[in-house]
Amino acid sequence: RQSDSAFLLVGALPAGQAFESLPDNFFLDLLFDPAGKYGQYGQVEDRKVLSCTLTALTLPNGRKQQYRRMALKFAPLSYNAN
């Protein structure tokens, strides 16, 4: 069974770093945090970034905003370990 999902994650930037320079692991750690959606049943060890791209989109006011699009592959744990 395969499906696609989209999630909005919110986290504080590490001091002195810009969004564009954050490593992939910053986002993986945020997504798979024990208090998050996929980490609540234990640490997700089988995880991989398939692709990661930065895109500058133009806002209605004409300014540019950076967005990161990531394709991930992972095996989440469930309450019954399936």
Protein backbone atom coordinates (compact mmCIF):
# COMPACT_ATOMS: atom_id res chain seq x y z
CA ARG A 1 0.00 0.00 0.00
CA GLN A 2 1.39 3.39 -0.96
CA SER A 3 0.19 6.89 -0.25
CA ASP A 4 1.36 10.50 -0.37
CA SER A 5 1.13 12.92 2.52
CA ALA A 6 2.05 16.51 3.22
CA PHE A 7 2.90 17.91 6.64
CA LEU A 8 3.66 21.36 7.95
CA LEU A 9 6.40 21.33 10.59
CA VAL A 10 7.28 24.29 12.77
CA GLY A 11 10.55 24.53 14.62
CA ALA A 12 12.98 27.19 15.79
CA LEU A 13 16.07 27.80 13.67
CA PRO A 14 19.34 26.99 15.42
CA ALA A 15 21.16 30.15 16.49
CA GLY A 16 23.19 31.72 13.71
CA GLN A 17 21.86 29.49 10.91
CA ALA A 18 19.75 30.35 7.89
CA PHE A 19 16.93 28.17 6.57
CA GLU A 20 18.78 27.60 3.29
CA SER A 21 21.85 26.15 5.04
CA LEU A 22 20.07 23.68 7.36
CA PRO A 23 21.12 20.05 6.84
CA ASP A 24 18.58 17.35 6.01
CA ASN A 25 19.01 15.87 9.50
CA PHE A 26 17.52 19.02 11.05
CA PHE A 27 14.22 18.20 9.36
CA LEU A 28 14.45 14.45 10.00
CA ASP A 29 15.04 15.06 13.71
CA LEU A 30 12.07 17.42 13.82
CA LEU A 31 9.74 15.03 11.99
CA PHE A 32 10.78 11.92 13.94
CA ASP A 33 11.02 13.57 17.36
CA PRO A 34 9.64 11.31 20.13
CA ALA A 35 6.93 13.91 20.79
CA GLY A 36 5.95 14.07 17.13
CA LYS A 37 3.70 12.16 14.78
CA TYR A 38 6.13 9.39 13.84
CA GLY A 39 8.34 9.15 16.92
CA GLN A 40 5.64 8.56 19.51
CA TYR A 41 6.07 4.75 19.49
CA GLY A 42 9.87 4.74 19.45
CA GLN A 43 12.85 5.97 17.50
CA VAL A 44 12.53 5.64 13.72
CA GLU A 45 15.88 4.32 12.55
CA ASP A 46 14.97 3.27 9.00
CA ARG A 47 14.74 6.71 7.37
CA LYS A 48 16.21 8.18 4.20
CA VAL A 49 16.05 11.44 2.25
CA LEU A 50 15.34 10.54 -1.38
CA SER A 51 15.50 14.11 -2.64
CA CYS A 52 15.68 17.63 -1.26
CA THR A 53 15.28 20.85 -3.23
CA LEU A 54 15.13 24.51 -2.30
CA THR A 55 12.74 26.65 -4.32
CA ALA A 56 12.29 30.41 -4.20
CA LEU A 57 8.64 31.31 -4.71
CA THR A 58 7.39 34.82 -5.38
CA LEU A 59 4.95 36.14 -2.79
CA PRO A 60 2.00 38.41 -3.70
CA ASN A 61 4.01 41.41 -2.47
CA GLY A 62 6.81 40.57 -4.93
CA ARG A 63 9.31 39.30 -2.34
CA LYS A 64 10.93 35.86 -2.60
CA GLN A 65 10.37 33.13 0.01
CA GLN A 66 12.50 29.98 0.25
CA TYR A 67 10.72 26.63 0.52
CA ARG A 68 12.21 23.18 0.95
CA ARG A 69 10.60 20.14 -0.66
CA MET A 70 11.73 16.75 0.60
CA ALA A 71 10.87 13.23 -0.50
CA LEU A 72 11.40 10.75 2.33
CA LYS A 73 11.29 7.01 2.77
CA PHE A 74 10.82 5.63 6.27
CA ALA A 75 9.28 2.79 8.23
CA PRO A 76 7.24 4.26 11.11
CA LEU A 77 6.59 2.24 14.23
CA SER A 78 3.04 1.68 15.39
CA TYR A 79 1.56 0.85 18.79
CA ASN A 80 1.55 -2.85 17.91
CA ALA A 81 5.07 -2.74 16.36
CA ASN A 82 3.82 -3.32 12.78
